[in-house]
Amino acid sequence: MQEEKFVKILIDNKGGKMRKEDILVLDADADDYKAAIECAGKYLFANGYVKENFSEECLKREQDYPTGLPSETPIAIPHCSSQFVLKEGMCVVRLKNNVEFRRMDDFDEKISTSIIFNLALKKDEEHVEFLQKFIGAIGNEQGDFVKECMMTDKEQVPEIFVKYCVL
C-alpha cells in the first residue's frame, strides 16, 4: 500500500443515524478487493466507527455474499453484521487502480471498480433501508452519483449523498 490521503469529518451522531459528517473519504492504493476492504476497515476503526475485527468480518461476508454491483459505473458495497459497528458511518474508498469484486447478482462473474462504499451500520435492519436509498441514487437519471463521488474534492463528497437523498 502506498501513500494514503485521508479526510475525516467528525460527528455528533445523534440518534444513531448516518449523517453527512459520517461519510469518510479515503484515496488509496490496493492490489485487490481484500486490501481495499482492509483500507476502509482500518480507517473506520482508527476513527472510532467500528471494532478492530470489522475488516475481517467484511471479508468473511464478501466470500458468501459478494457486493460487486454491475451499475453503469461498477461499485462494491462491502459491509458486515452490526455487532462489529460502534457508530454509523461509511468509508468511501477511491482507488488509484481498479480491483475486482464478485458480482452480487452472479457469484461467478466479477466487476472491476475503483470505488467502494464500505458501510458501517448499527442496526442490521437499516442495511436494507439504506441500500434502497443508495441504489436509488445510483440509478438516478438526473445525474451520476458514483462519478460525482469519484471526481469531487474529498471534502465535498458528503454533500453528494445529501444531493441524491441518500442521507
Foldseek 3Di string as FASTA:
>chain_A
DDDKDWDAQDDPCPPQDDALNQEIEIEEADPAPLRQLVVFLVVCVVRPFWAPCFSVQQVVVCVVANAWAPAPAIEGETGHALVGTDGWHKYKYAYPFWHWTQHRVHRVDIDTHRIYIYTRGNHPVVVVVLVVLVVQLCPDPVDHLVVCCNPPDRVCNSVSCVVSVSD
